[in-house]
């Protein structure tokens, strides 16, 4: 349960930073900002997987803060183009 709460908190922080760096998404609420940050972290992990392999047995590559923000900005860019 603590892992889910921690993911929501970190996801919100990442989504908050990403939506303030990429301005067309100022209207997102708390839950959408959190989901943006969590999805950005997953996309950032996929980007990190292109450059280095994760530890053996790990299902995901840890994205880190910077790649998570880059992934979230990429999602915001795609979202803005689809509107």
PDB file of N, CA and C in Angstrom:
ATOM      1  N   UNK A   1       0.825  -1.194   0.000  1.00  0.00           N
ATOM      2  CA  UNK A   1       0.000   0.000   0.000  1.00  0.00           C
ATOM      3  C   UNK A   1       0.870   1.259   0.000  1.00  0.00           C
ATOM      4  N   UNK A   2       1.959   1.231   0.741  1.00  0.00           N
ATOM      5  CA  UNK A   2       2.843   2.386   0.798  1.00  0.00           C
ATOM      6  C   UNK A   2       3.483   2.664  -0.562  1.00  0.00           C
ATOM      7  N   UNK A   3       3.732   1.609  -1.332  1.00  0.00           N
ATOM      8  CA  UNK A   3       4.322   1.765  -2.658  1.00  0.00           C
ATOM      9  C   UNK A   3       3.371   2.541  -3.578  1.00  0.00           C
ATOM     10  N   UNK A   4       2.086   2.272  -3.485  1.00  0.00           N
ATOM     11  CA  UNK A   4       1.102   2.963  -4.315  1.00  0.00           C
ATOM     12  C   UNK A   4       1.022   4.436  -3.929  1.00  0.00           C
ATOM     13  N   UNK A   5       1.011   4.718  -2.636  1.00  0.00           N
ATOM     14  CA  UNK A   5       0.965   6.110  -2.164  1.00  0.00           C
ATOM     15  C   UNK A   5       2.221   6.858  -2.591  1.00  0.00           C
ATOM     16  N   UNK A   6       3.370   6.208  -2.473  1.00  0.00           N
ATOM     17  CA  UNK A   6       4.632   6.824  -2.879  1.00  0.00           C
ATOM     18  C   UNK A   6       4.638   7.086  -4.384  1.00  0.00           C
ATOM     19  N   UNK A   7       4.105   6.155  -5.186  1.00  0.00           N
ATOM     20  CA  UNK A   7       4.033   6.353  -6.637  1.00  0.00           C
ATOM     21  C   UNK A   7       3.154   7.537  -6.984  1.00  0.00           C
ATOM     22  N   UNK A   8       2.046   7.713  -6.283  1.00  0.00           N
ATOM     23  CA  UNK A   8       1.153   8.840  -6.541  1.00  0.00           C
ATOM     24  C   UNK A   8       1.827  10.160  -6.177  1.00  0.00           C
ATOM     25  N   UNK A   9       2.524  10.205  -5.048  1.00  0.00           N
ATOM     26  CA  UNK A   9       3.193  11.435  -4.617  1.00  0.00           C
ATOM     27  C   UNK A   9       4.310  11.815  -5.581  1.00  0.00           C
ATOM     28  N   UNK A  10       5.168  10.851  -5.914  1.00  0.00           N
ATOM     29  CA  UNK A  10       6.268  11.131  -6.843  1.00  0.00           C
ATOM     30  C   UNK A  10       5.719  11.440  -8.231  1.00  0.00           C
ATOM     31  N   UNK A  11       4.672  10.712  -8.647  1.00  0.00           N
ATOM     32  CA  UNK A  11       4.048  10.986  -9.937  1.00  0.00           C
ATOM     33  C   UNK A  11       3.493  12.393 -10.008  1.00  0.00           C
ATOM     34  N   UNK A  12       2.891  12.866  -8.913  1.00  0.00           N
ATOM     35  CA  UNK A  12       2.375  14.230  -8.883  1.00  0.00           C
ATOM     36  C   UNK A  12       3.507  15.239  -9.019  1.00  0.00           C
ATOM     37  N   UNK A  13       4.601  15.024  -8.317  1.00  0.00           N
ATOM     38  CA  UNK A  13       5.739  15.958  -8.389  1.00  0.00           C
ATOM     39  C   UNK A  13       6.301  16.004  -9.807  1.00  0.00           C
ATOM     40  N   UNK A  14       6.477  14.840 -10.425  1.00  0.00           N
ATOM     41  CA  UNK A  14       7.003  14.785 -11.792  1.00  0.00           C
ATOM     42  C   UNK A  14       6.022  15.426 -12.765  1.00  0.00           C
ATOM     43  N   UNK A  15       4.733  15.109 -12.634  1.00  0.00           N
ATOM     44  CA  UNK A  15       3.728  15.711 -13.500  1.00  0.00           C
ATOM     45  C   UNK A  15       3.633  17.219 -13.316  1.00  0.00           C
ATOM     46  N   UNK A  16       3.760  17.680 -12.070  1.00  0.00           N
ATOM     47  CA  UNK A  16       3.721  19.109 -11.776  1.00  0.00           C
ATOM     48  C   UNK A  16       4.878  19.838 -12.454  1.00  0.00           C
ATOM     49  N   UNK A  17       6.077  19.270 -12.351  1.00  0.00           N
ATOM     50  CA  UNK A  17       7.246  19.890 -12.987  1.00  0.00           C
ATOM     51  C   UNK A  17       7.077  19.876 -14.502  1.00  0.00           C
ATOM     52  N   UNK A  18       6.624  18.750 -15.053  1.00  0.00           N
ATOM     53  CA  UNK A  18       6.475  18.631 -16.507  1.00  0.00           C
ATOM     54  C   UNK A  18       5.439  19.600 -17.052  1.00  0.00           C
ATOM     55  N   UNK A  19       4.303  19.737 -16.361  1.00  0.00           N
ATOM     56  CA  UNK A  19       3.274  20.634 -16.892  1.00  0.00           C
ATOM     57  C   UNK A  19       3.662  22.097 -16.735  1.00  0.00           C
ATOM     58  N   UNK A  20       4.590  22.412 -15.837  1.00  0.00           N
ATOM     59  CA  UNK A  20       5.064  23.793 -15.736  1.00  0.00           C
ATOM     60  C   UNK A  20       6.202  24.078 -16.712  1.00  0.00           C
ATOM     61  N   UNK A  21       6.875  23.044 -17.174  1.00  0.00           N
ATOM     62  CA  UNK A  21       7.889  23.230 -18.206  1.00  0.00           C
ATOM     63  C   UNK A  21       7.259  23.288 -19.593  1.00  0.00           C
ATOM     64  N   UNK A  22       6.149  22.572 -19.768  1.00  0.00           N
ATOM     65  CA  UNK A  22       5.435  22.557 -21.047  1.00  0.00           C
ATOM     66  C   UNK A  22       4.059  23.159 -20.802  1.00  0.00           C
ATOM     67  N   UNK A  23       3.893  24.422 -21.110  1.00  0.00           N
ATOM     68  CA  UNK A  23       2.752  25.228 -20.665  1.00  0.00           C
ATOM     69  C   UNK A  23       1.374  24.887 -21.228  1.00  0.00           C
ATOM     70  N   UNK A  24       1.195  24.241 -22.364  1.00  0.00           N
ATOM     71  CA  UNK A  24      -0.181  24.009 -22.839  1.00  0.00           C
ATOM     72  C   UNK A  24      -1.032  23.139 -21.915  1.00  0.00           C
ATOM     73  N   UNK A  25      -0.476  22.552 -20.871  1.00  0.00           N
ATOM     74  CA  UNK A  25      -1.237  21.635 -20.020  1.00  0.00           C
ATOM     75  C   UNK A  25      -1.492  22.206 -18.631  1.00  0.00           C
ATOM     76  N   UNK A  26      -1.772  23.468 -18.515  1.00  0.00           N
ATOM     77  CA  UNK A  26      -1.991  24.102 -17.216  1.00  0.00           C
ATOM     78  C   UNK A  26      -3.289  23.665 -16.544  1.00  0.00           C
ATOM     79  N   UNK A  27      -4.227  23.081 -17.271  1.00  0.00           N
ATOM     80  CA  UNK A  27      -5.553  22.791 -16.753  1.00  0.00           C
ATOM     81  C   UNK A  27      -5.687  21.412 -16.109  1.00  0.00           C
ATOM     82  N   UNK A  28      -4.639  20.656 -15.967  1.00  0.00           N
ATOM     83  CA  UNK A  28      -4.725  19.318 -15.394  1.00  0.00           C
ATOM     84  C   UNK A  28      -4.916  19.382 -13.880  1.00  0.00           C
ATOM     85  N   UNK A  29      -5.793  18.530 -13.362  1.00  0.00           N
ATOM     86  CA  UNK A  29      -6.034  18.462 -11.925  1.00  0.00           C
ATOM     87  C   UNK A  29      -5.032  17.541 -11.236  1.00  0.00           C
ATOM     88  N   UNK A  30      -5.268  17.293  -9.957  1.00  0.00           N
ATOM     89  CA  UNK A  30      -4.339  16.483  -9.157  1.00  0.00           C
ATOM     90  C   UNK A  30      -4.187  15.076  -9.715  1.00  0.00           C
ATOM     91  N   UNK A  31      -5.293  14.388  -9.981  1.00  0.00           N
ATOM     92  CA  UNK A  31      -5.208  12.995 -10.419  1.00  0.00           C
ATOM     93  C   UNK A  31      -4.607  12.863 -11.810  1.00  0.00           C
ATOM     94  N   UNK A  32      -4.969  13.764 -12.709  1.00  0.00           N
ATOM     95  CA  UNK A  32      -4.389  13.706 -14.057  1.00  0.00           C
ATOM     96  C   UNK A  32      -2.905  14.062 -14.036  1.00  0.00           C
ATOM     97  N   UNK A  33      -2.518  14.989 -13.168  1.00  0.00           N
ATOM     98  CA  UNK A  33      -1.105  15.330 -13.021  1.00  0.00           C
ATOM     99  C   UNK A  33      -0.335  14.137 -12.469  1.00  0.00           C
ATOM    100  N   UNK A  34      -0.919  13.437 -11.488  1.00  0.00           N
ATOM    101  CA  UNK A  34      -0.270  12.252 -10.923  1.00  0.00           C
ATOM    102  C   UNK A  34      -0.148  11.146 -11.960  1.00  0.00           C
ATOM    103  N   UNK A  35      -1.217  10.914 -12.721  1.00  0.00           N
ATOM    104  CA  UNK A  35      -1.166   9.892 -13.773  1.00  0.00           C
ATOM    105  C   UNK A  35      -0.162  10.257 -14.855  1.00  0.00           C
ATOM    106  N   UNK A  36      -0.064  11.544 -15.167  1.00  0.00           N
ATOM    107  CA  UNK A  36       0.923  12.006 -16.130  1.00  0.00           C
ATOM    108  C   UNK A  36       2.329  11.691 -15.643  1.00  0.00           C
ATOM    109  N   UNK A  37       2.608  11.952 -14.377  1.00  0.00           N
ATOM    110  CA  UNK A  37       3.932  11.677 -13.822  1.00  0.00           C
ATOM    111  C   UNK A  37       4.242  10.193 -13.779  1.00  0.00           C
ATOM    112  N   UNK A  38       3.270   9.368 -13.425  1.00  0.00           N
ATOM    113  CA  UNK A  38       3.486   7.921 -13.380  1.00  0.00           C
ATOM    114  C   UNK A  38       3.717   7.380 -14.784  1.00  0.00           C
ATOM    115  N   UNK A  39       2.892   7.807 -15.743  1.00  0.00           N
ATOM    116  CA  UNK A  39       3.071   7.366 -17.126  1.00  0.00           C
ATOM    117  C   UNK A  39       4.382   7.897 -17.703  1.00  0.00           C
ATOM    118  N   UNK A  40       4.747   9.116 -17.336  1.00  0.00           N
ATOM    119  CA  UNK A  40       6.026   9.672 -17.769  1.00  0.00           C
ATOM    120  C   UNK A  40       7.199   8.877 -17.241  1.00  0.00           C
ATOM    121  N   UNK A  41       7.062   8.359 -16.035  1.00  0.00           N
ATOM    122  CA  UNK A  41       8.118   7.527 -15.465  1.00  0.00           C
ATOM    123  C   UNK A  41       8.251   6.214 -16.233  1.00  0.00           C
ATOM    124  N   UNK A  42       7.119   5.653 -16.640  1.00  0.00           N
ATOM    125  CA  UNK A  42       7.169   4.418 -17.429  1.00  0.00           C
ATOM    126  C   UNK A  42       7.800   4.676 -18.794  1.00  0.00           C
ATOM    127  N   UNK A  43       7.408   5.769 -19.441  1.00  0.00           N
ATOM    128  CA  UNK A  43       7.995   6.135 -20.736  1.00  0.00           C
ATOM    129  C   UNK A  43       9.490   6.429 -20.568  1.00  0.00           C
ATOM    130  N   UNK A  44       9.851   7.114 -19.497  1.00  0.00           N
ATOM    131  CA  UNK A  44      11.264   7.385 -19.224  1.00  0.00           C
ATOM    132  C   UNK A  44      12.055   6.105 -19.012  1.00  0.00           C
ATOM    133  N   UNK A  45      11.436   5.113 -18.375  1.00  0.00           N
ATOM    134  CA  UNK A  45      12.095   3.819 -18.203  1.00  0.00           C
ATOM    135  C   UNK A  45      12.307   3.109 -19.525  1.00  0.00           C
ATOM    136  N   UNK A  46      11.345   3.252 -20.429  1.00  0.00           N
ATOM    137  CA  UNK A  46      11.512   2.663 -21.759  1.00  0.00           C
ATOM    138  C   UNK A  46      12.621   3.364 -22.542  1.00  0.00           C
ATOM    139  N   UNK A  47      12.719   4.676 -22.383  1.00  0.00           N
ATOM    140  CA  UNK A  47      13.805   5.414 -23.025  1.00  0.00           C
ATOM    141  C   UNK A  47      15.144   4.986 -22.438  1.00  0.00           C
ATOM    142  N   UNK A  48      15.207   4.818 -21.118  1.00  0.00           N
ATOM    143  CA  UNK A  48      16.456   4.386 -20.469  1.00  0.00           C
ATOM    144  C   UNK A  48      16.851   2.988 -20.916  1.00  0.00           C
ATOM    145  N   UNK A  49      15.867   2.154 -21.193  1.00  0.00           N
ATOM    146  CA  UNK A  49      16.138   0.786 -21.639  1.00  0.00           C
ATOM    147  C   UNK A  49      16.837   0.770 -23.000  1.00  0.00           C
ATOM    148  N   UNK A  50      16.634   1.809 -23.810  1.00  0.00           N
ATOM    149  CA  UNK A  50      17.313   1.898 -25.102  1.00  0.00           C
ATOM    150  C   UNK A  50      18.820   2.088 -24.946  1.00  0.00           C
ATOM    151  N   UNK A  51      19.238   2.734 -23.860  1.00  0.00           N
ATOM    152  CA  UNK A  51      20.641   3.063 -23.668  1.00  0.00           C
ATOM    153  C   UNK A  51      21.390   2.073 -22.792  1.00  0.00           C
ATOM    154  N   UNK A  52      20.703   1.418 -21.862  1.00  0.00           N
ATOM    155  CA  UNK A  52      21.369   0.435 -21.005  1.00  0.00           C
ATOM    156  C   UNK A  52      20.360  -0.619 -20.571  1.00  0.00           C
ATOM    157  N   UNK A  53      20.861  -1.805 -20.310  1.00  0.00           N
ATOM    158  CA  UNK A  53      19.991  -2.901 -19.885  1.00  0.00           C
ATOM    159  C   UNK A  53      19.714  -2.788 -18.385  1.00  0.00           C
ATOM    160  N   UNK A  54      18.474  -3.159 -17.974  1.00  0.00           N
ATOM    161  CA  UNK A  54      18.185  -3.157 -16.529  1.00  0.00           C
ATOM    162  C   UNK A  54      18.878  -4.325 -15.838  1.00  0.00           C
ATOM    163  N   UNK A  55      18.859  -4.326 -14.525  1.00  0.00           N
ATOM    164  CA  UNK A  55      19.448  -5.412 -13.751  1.00  0.00           C
ATOM    165  C   UNK A  55      18.753  -6.718 -14.109  1.00  0.00           C
ATOM    166  N   UNK A  56      19.465  -7.834 -14.051  1.00  0.00           N
ATOM    167  CA  UNK A  56      18.838  -9.116 -14.373  1.00  0.00           C
ATOM    168  C   UNK A  56      17.632  -9.399 -13.466  1.00  0.00           C
ATOM    169  N   UNK A  57      16.520  -9.778 -14.087  1.00  0.00           N
ATOM    170  CA  UNK A  57      15.314 -10.093 -13.348  1.00  0.00           C
ATOM    171  C   UNK A  57      14.412  -8.897 -13.082  1.00  0.00           C
ATOM    172  N   UNK A  58      14.856  -7.693 -13.404  1.00  0.00           N
ATOM    173  CA  UNK A  58      14.046  -6.496 -13.175  1.00  0.00           C
ATOM    174  C   UNK A  58      13.084  -6.302 -14.349  1.00  0.00           C
ATOM    175  N   UNK A  59      11.791  -6.162 -14.073  1.00  0.00           N
ATOM    176  CA  UNK A  59      10.842  -5.995 -15.181  1.00  0.00           C
ATOM    177  C   UNK A  59      10.923  -4.609 -15.831  1.00  0.00           C
ATOM    178  N   UNK A  60      11.323  -3.593 -15.062  1.00  0.00           N
ATOM    179  CA  UNK A  60      11.413  -2.233 -15.575  1.00  0.00           C
ATOM    180  C   UNK A  60      12.787  -1.667 -15.299  1.00  0.00           C
ATOM    181  N   UNK A  61      13.168  -0.720 -16.100  1.00  0.00           N
ATOM    182  CA  UNK A  61      14.413   0.010 -15.874  1.00  0.00           C
ATOM    183  C   UNK A  61      14.065   1.230 -15.034  1.00  0.00           C
ATOM    184  N   UNK A  62      14.778   1.487 -13.936  1.00  0.00           N
ATOM    185  CA  UNK A  62      14.472   2.690 -13.150  1.00  0.00           C
ATOM    186  C   UNK A  62      14.781   3.938 -13.965  1.00  0.00           C
ATOM    187  N   UNK A  63      13.778   4.764 -14.145  1.00  0.00           N
ATOM    188  CA  UNK A  63      13.916   5.904 -15.053  1.00  0.00           C
ATOM    189  C   UNK A  63      14.699   7.042 -14.432  1.00  0.00           C
ATOM    190  N   UNK A  64      14.497   7.289 -13.174  1.00  0.00           N
ATOM    191  CA  UNK A  64      15.113   8.450 -12.561  1.00  0.00           C
ATOM    192  C   UNK A  64      14.253   9.681 -12.773  1.00  0.00           C
ATOM    193  N   UNK A  65      14.584  10.730 -12.077  1.00  0.00           N
ATOM    194  CA  UNK A  65      13.768  11.940 -12.076  1.00  0.00           C
ATOM    195  C   UNK A  65      13.784  12.650 -13.427  1.00  0.00           C
ATOM    196  N   UNK A  66      14.970  12.801 -14.025  1.00  0.00           N
ATOM    197  CA  UNK A  66      15.096  13.552 -15.278  1.00  0.00           C
ATOM    198  C   UNK A  66      14.396  12.829 -16.420  1.00  0.00           C
ATOM    199  N   UNK A  67      14.625  11.530 -16.564  1.00  0.00           N
ATOM    200  CA  UNK A  67      13.971  10.793 -17.640  1.00  0.00           C
ATOM    201  C   UNK A  67      12.465  10.701 -17.425  1.00  0.00           C
ATOM    202  N   UNK A  68      12.021  10.684 -16.199  1.00  0.00           N
ATOM    203  CA  UNK A  68      10.585  10.691 -15.922  1.00  0.00           C
ATOM    204  C   UNK A  68       9.957  11.998 -16.383  1.00  0.00           C
ATOM    205  N   UNK A  69      10.629  13.106 -16.140  1.00  0.00           N
ATOM    206  CA  UNK A  69      10.127  14.404 -16.596  1.00  0.00           C
ATOM    207  C   UNK A  69      10.131  14.467 -18.116  1.00  0.00           C
ATOM    208  N   UNK A  70      11.187  13.954 -18.746  1.00  0.00           N
ATOM    209  CA  UNK A  70      11.249  13.937 -20.209  1.00  0.00           C
ATOM    210  C   UNK A  70      10.113  13.087 -20.779  1.00  0.00           C
ATOM    211  N   UNK A  71       9.844  11.938 -20.162  1.00  0.00           N
ATOM    212  CA  UNK A  71       8.736  11.099 -20.602  1.00  0.00           C
ATOM    213  C   UNK A  71       7.396  11.787 -20.438  1.00  0.00           C
ATOM    214  N   UNK A  72       7.206  12.501 -19.340  1.00  0.00           N
ATOM    215  CA  UNK A  72       5.954  13.223 -19.102  1.00  0.00           C
ATOM    216  C   UNK A  72       5.786  14.376 -20.095  1.00  0.00           C
ATOM    217  N   UNK A  73       6.865  15.074 -20.401  1.00  0.00           N
ATOM    218  CA  UNK A  73       6.794  16.156 -21.385  1.00  0.00           C
ATOM    219  C   UNK A  73       6.470  15.583 -22.758  1.00  0.00           C
ATOM    220  N   UNK A  74       7.037  14.438 -23.081  1.00  0.00           N
ATOM    221  CA  UNK A  74       6.723  13.776 -24.348  1.00  0.00           C
ATOM    222  C   UNK A  74       5.239  13.422 -24.422  1.00  0.00           C
ATOM    223  N   UNK A  75       4.681  12.918 -23.333  1.00  0.00           N
ATOM    224  CA  UNK A  75       3.251  12.614 -23.293  1.00  0.00           C
ATOM    225  C   UNK A  75       2.406  13.881 -23.425  1.00  0.00           C
ATOM    226  N   UNK A  76       2.824  14.965 -22.777  1.00  0.00           N
ATOM    227  CA  UNK A  76       2.093  16.233 -22.902  1.00  0.00           C
ATOM    228  C   UNK A  76       2.145  16.761 -24.332  1.00  0.00           C
ATOM    229  N   UNK A  77       3.279  16.595 -24.983  1.00  0.00           N
ATOM    230  CA  UNK A  77       3.425  17.034 -26.377  1.00  0.00           C
ATOM    231  C   UNK A  77       2.470  16.254 -27.275  1.00  0.00           C
ATOM    232  N   UNK A  78       2.425  14.933 -27.092  1.00  0.00           N
ATOM    233  CA  UNK A  78       1.516  14.101 -27.879  1.00  0.00           C
ATOM    234  C   UNK A  78       0.062  14.472 -27.580  1.00  0.00           C
ATOM    235  N   UNK A  79      -0.260  14.688 -26.318  1.00  0.00           N
ATOM    236  CA  UNK A  79      -1.617  15.075 -25.917  1.00  0.00           C
ATOM    237  C   UNK A  79      -2.021  16.403 -26.556  1.00  0.00           C
ATOM    238  N   UNK A  80      -1.099  17.369 -26.577  1.00  0.00           N
ATOM    239  CA  UNK A  80      -1.397  18.679 -27.168  1.00  0.00           C
ATOM    240  C   UNK A  80      -1.601  18.581 -28.679  1.00  0.00           C
ATOM    241  N   UNK A  81      -0.865  17.708 -29.339  1.00  0.00           N
ATOM    242  CA  UNK A  81      -1.003  17.548 -30.790  1.00  0.00           C
ATOM    243  C   UNK A  81      -2.302  16.837 -31.148  1.00  0.00           C
ATOM    244  N   UNK A  82      -2.818  15.986 -30.262  1.00  0.00           N
ATOM    245  CA  UNK A  82      -4.050  15.260 -30.547  1.00  0.00           C
ATOM    246  C   UNK A  82      -5.302  16.094 -30.288  1.00  0.00           C
ATOM    247  N   UNK A  83      -5.167  17.194 -29.593  1.00  0.00           N
ATOM    248  CA  UNK A  83      -6.341  18.033 -29.313  1.00  0.00           C
ATOM    249  C   UNK A  83      -6.659  18.924 -30.465  1.00  0.00           C
TER     250      UNK A  83
END
